[in-house]
N, C-alpha and C. Protein backbone atom coordinates (compact mmCIF):
# COMPACT_ATOMS: atom_id res chain seq x y z
N MET A 1 0.86 -1.17 0.00
CA MET A 1 0.00 0.00 0.00
C MET A 1 0.90 1.23 0.00
N PRO A 2 0.65 2.15 -0.93
CA PRO A 2 1.46 3.37 -0.97
C PRO A 2 1.27 4.20 0.30
N LEU A 3 2.30 4.92 0.63
CA LEU A 3 2.28 5.72 1.86
C LEU A 3 1.21 6.81 1.81
N ASP A 4 1.01 7.44 0.65
CA ASP A 4 0.01 8.51 0.58
C ASP A 4 -1.40 7.98 0.79
N ARG A 5 -1.68 6.78 0.33
CA ARG A 5 -3.00 6.19 0.54
C ARG A 5 -3.19 5.83 2.01
N PHE A 6 -2.13 5.32 2.66
CA PHE A 6 -2.20 4.98 4.08
C PHE A 6 -2.47 6.22 4.92
N VAL A 7 -1.76 7.30 4.63
CA VAL A 7 -1.94 8.55 5.37
C VAL A 7 -3.33 9.10 5.12
N LEU A 8 -3.82 9.00 3.89
CA LEU A 8 -5.17 9.48 3.59
C LEU A 8 -6.22 8.70 4.37
N ILE A 9 -6.06 7.39 4.44
CA ILE A 9 -7.00 6.56 5.21
C ILE A 9 -6.93 6.92 6.69
N LEU A 10 -5.73 7.14 7.20
CA LEU A 10 -5.57 7.51 8.61
C LEU A 10 -6.23 8.86 8.90
N VAL A 11 -6.07 9.82 8.02
CA VAL A 11 -6.69 11.13 8.20
C VAL A 11 -8.22 11.01 8.13
N ILE A 12 -8.71 10.18 7.22
CA ILE A 12 -10.16 9.99 7.10
C ILE A 12 -10.74 9.37 8.35
N VAL A 13 -10.04 8.39 8.92
CA VAL A 13 -10.54 7.74 10.14
C VAL A 13 -10.57 8.72 11.30
N ILE A 14 -9.52 9.50 11.46
CA ILE A 14 -9.48 10.48 12.55
C ILE A 14 -10.56 11.55 12.35
N ALA A 15 -10.71 12.01 11.10
CA ALA A 15 -11.73 13.02 10.82
C ALA A 15 -13.13 12.45 11.04
N ALA A 16 -13.35 11.19 10.67
CA ALA A 16 -14.66 10.57 10.87
C ALA A 16 -15.01 10.47 12.35
N ALA A 17 -14.00 10.16 13.16
CA ALA A 17 -14.26 10.10 14.60
C ALA A 17 -14.63 11.48 15.14
N GLY A 18 -13.92 12.50 14.70
CA GLY A 18 -14.24 13.86 15.13
C GLY A 18 -15.61 14.32 14.66
N VAL A 19 -15.93 14.01 13.41
CA VAL A 19 -17.23 14.40 12.87
C VAL A 19 -18.35 13.66 13.58
N THR A 20 -18.12 12.41 13.95
CA THR A 20 -19.14 11.65 14.68
C THR A 20 -19.44 12.29 16.02
N VAL A 21 -18.41 12.67 16.73
CA VAL A 21 -18.61 13.32 18.03
C VAL A 21 -19.29 14.68 17.84
N TRP A 22 -18.84 15.44 16.86
CA TRP A 22 -19.41 16.76 16.62
C TRP A 22 -20.86 16.65 16.18
N LEU A 23 -21.15 15.71 15.29
CA LEU A 23 -22.52 15.53 14.82
C LEU A 23 -23.43 15.05 15.95
N GLY A 24 -22.90 14.20 16.83
CA GLY A 24 -23.68 13.76 17.98
C GLY A 24 -24.05 14.91 18.89
N THR A 25 -23.12 15.83 19.09
CA THR A 25 -23.44 17.00 19.93
C THR A 25 -24.42 17.92 19.22
N MET A 26 -24.32 18.00 17.87
CA MET A 26 -25.27 18.83 17.12
C MET A 26 -26.68 18.25 17.23
N ILE A 27 -26.81 16.95 17.11
CA ILE A 27 -28.13 16.32 17.21
C ILE A 27 -28.69 16.45 18.62
N ALA A 28 -27.81 16.27 19.62
CA ALA A 28 -28.26 16.42 21.00
C ALA A 28 -28.70 17.87 21.27
N ALA A 29 -27.98 18.82 20.72
CA ALA A 29 -28.35 20.23 20.91
C ALA A 29 -29.63 20.57 20.15
N SER A 30 -29.84 19.93 19.01
CA SER A 30 -31.04 20.25 18.24
C SER A 30 -32.30 19.68 18.91
N ALA A 31 -32.11 18.69 19.76
CA ALA A 31 -33.26 18.20 20.53
C ALA A 31 -33.69 19.26 21.54
N GLN A 32 -32.74 20.06 21.99
CA GLN A 32 -33.04 21.15 22.92
C GLN A 32 -33.64 22.35 22.18
N ILE A 33 -33.11 22.61 20.97
CA ILE A 33 -33.55 23.75 20.18
C ILE A 33 -34.17 23.20 18.89
N PRO A 34 -35.47 23.33 18.69
CA PRO A 34 -36.11 22.72 17.51
C PRO A 34 -35.58 23.23 16.18
N ALA A 35 -35.14 24.47 16.08
CA ALA A 35 -34.61 25.00 14.83
C ALA A 35 -33.21 24.47 14.54
N GLY A 36 -32.63 23.76 15.48
CA GLY A 36 -31.29 23.22 15.29
C GLY A 36 -31.21 22.15 14.22
N TRP A 37 -32.35 21.52 13.89
CA TRP A 37 -32.37 20.51 12.82
C TRP A 37 -32.03 21.14 11.47
N LEU A 38 -32.27 22.43 11.33
CA LEU A 38 -31.94 23.09 10.08
C LEU A 38 -30.44 23.17 9.84
N SER A 39 -29.66 23.11 10.89
CA SER A 39 -28.20 23.14 10.72
C SER A 39 -27.65 21.77 10.32
N VAL A 40 -28.41 20.72 10.48
CA VAL A 40 -27.95 19.38 10.12
C VAL A 40 -27.94 19.22 8.60
N ILE A 41 -28.84 19.88 7.89
CA ILE A 41 -28.92 19.76 6.43
C ILE A 41 -27.65 20.28 5.75
N PRO A 42 -27.16 21.48 6.07
CA PRO A 42 -25.90 21.92 5.44
C PRO A 42 -24.71 21.05 5.83
N VAL A 43 -24.69 20.56 7.05
CA VAL A 43 -23.60 19.68 7.47
C VAL A 43 -23.62 18.39 6.67
N ALA A 44 -24.80 17.85 6.42
CA ALA A 44 -24.92 16.64 5.61
C ALA A 44 -24.48 16.89 4.18
N LEU A 45 -24.81 18.04 3.63
CA LEU A 45 -24.38 18.36 2.27
C LEU A 45 -22.88 18.51 2.17
N ILE A 46 -22.27 19.15 3.15
CA ILE A 46 -20.82 19.30 3.17
C ILE A 46 -20.16 17.93 3.29
N GLY A 47 -20.71 17.08 4.13
CA GLY A 47 -20.18 15.73 4.27
C GLY A 47 -20.26 14.95 2.98
N TYR A 48 -21.36 15.12 2.24
CA TYR A 48 -21.51 14.44 0.96
C TYR A 48 -20.46 14.92 -0.04
N VAL A 49 -20.22 16.22 -0.10
CA VAL A 49 -19.22 16.76 -1.02
C VAL A 49 -17.83 16.24 -0.66
N VAL A 50 -17.50 16.23 0.61
CA VAL A 50 -16.20 15.72 1.05
C VAL A 50 -16.07 14.24 0.68
N TRP A 51 -17.13 13.48 0.89
CA TRP A 51 -17.11 12.05 0.54
C TRP A 51 -16.86 11.86 -0.96
N ARG A 52 -17.51 12.66 -1.79
CA ARG A 52 -17.33 12.54 -3.24
C ARG A 52 -15.91 12.90 -3.66
N VAL A 53 -15.33 13.93 -3.05
CA VAL A 53 -13.96 14.34 -3.39
C VAL A 53 -12.98 13.24 -3.01
N ILE A 54 -13.15 12.66 -1.83
CA ILE A 54 -12.23 11.61 -1.38
C ILE A 54 -12.39 10.36 -2.24
N SER A 55 -13.62 9.98 -2.56
CA SER A 55 -13.80 8.79 -3.39
C SER A 55 -13.26 9.00 -4.79
N ASP A 56 -13.39 10.22 -5.32
CA ASP A 56 -12.82 10.51 -6.63
C ASP A 56 -11.30 10.44 -6.57
N ARG A 57 -10.72 10.93 -5.51
CA ARG A 57 -9.26 10.89 -5.35
C ARG A 57 -8.76 9.45 -5.27
N LEU A 58 -9.46 8.59 -4.56
CA LEU A 58 -9.01 7.21 -4.41
C LEU A 58 -9.22 6.39 -5.68
N ASN A 59 -10.22 6.71 -6.47
CA ASN A 59 -10.53 5.94 -7.66
C ASN A 59 -9.95 6.51 -8.95
N ASN A 60 -9.25 7.64 -8.89
CA ASN A 60 -8.71 8.27 -10.07
C ASN A 60 -7.39 7.61 -10.45
N SER A 61 -7.34 6.99 -11.62
CA SER A 61 -6.12 6.30 -12.04
C SER A 61 -5.05 7.27 -12.53
N ASP A 62 -5.41 8.50 -12.86
CA ASP A 62 -4.42 9.47 -13.31
C ASP A 62 -3.48 9.89 -12.19
N ASP A 63 -3.92 9.82 -10.95
CA ASP A 63 -3.09 10.22 -9.83
C ASP A 63 -2.12 9.12 -9.40
N ASP A 64 -2.22 7.94 -9.98
CA ASP A 64 -1.37 6.83 -9.57
C ASP A 64 -0.10 6.68 -10.40
N HIS A 65 0.29 7.71 -11.16
CA HIS A 65 1.46 7.55 -12.00
C HIS A 65 2.76 7.45 -11.19
N TYR A 66 2.77 7.94 -9.96
CA TYR A 66 3.96 7.80 -9.13
C TYR A 66 4.10 6.37 -8.57
N ASP A 67 3.02 5.64 -8.51
CA ASP A 67 3.07 4.27 -8.03
C ASP A 67 3.73 3.33 -9.03
N ARG A 68 3.74 3.70 -10.31
CA ARG A 68 4.31 2.85 -11.35
C ARG A 68 5.80 3.10 -11.53
N ILE A 69 6.38 4.11 -10.91
CA ILE A 69 7.79 4.43 -11.07
C ILE A 69 8.62 3.45 -10.26
N GLU A 70 9.60 2.84 -10.93
CA GLU A 70 10.51 1.91 -10.24
C GLU A 70 11.62 2.71 -9.59
N LYS A 71 12.07 2.24 -8.44
CA LYS A 71 13.16 2.93 -7.74
C LYS A 71 14.50 2.43 -8.19
């Protein structure tokens, strides 16, 4: 496994843990404030865009030209 892919996976896992905690606090706070559910929609959209960017980065074969270089 290339080092850049390993680091990317590690960053994604750490970010996912942080987002899970943050989203949990947002949902808990929105139970207190009914209008707080409106803030979950933009957060979900941002998460979707980030997911699409990361999946495109991992599946793009044009970015793998450094993996084919022999040392």
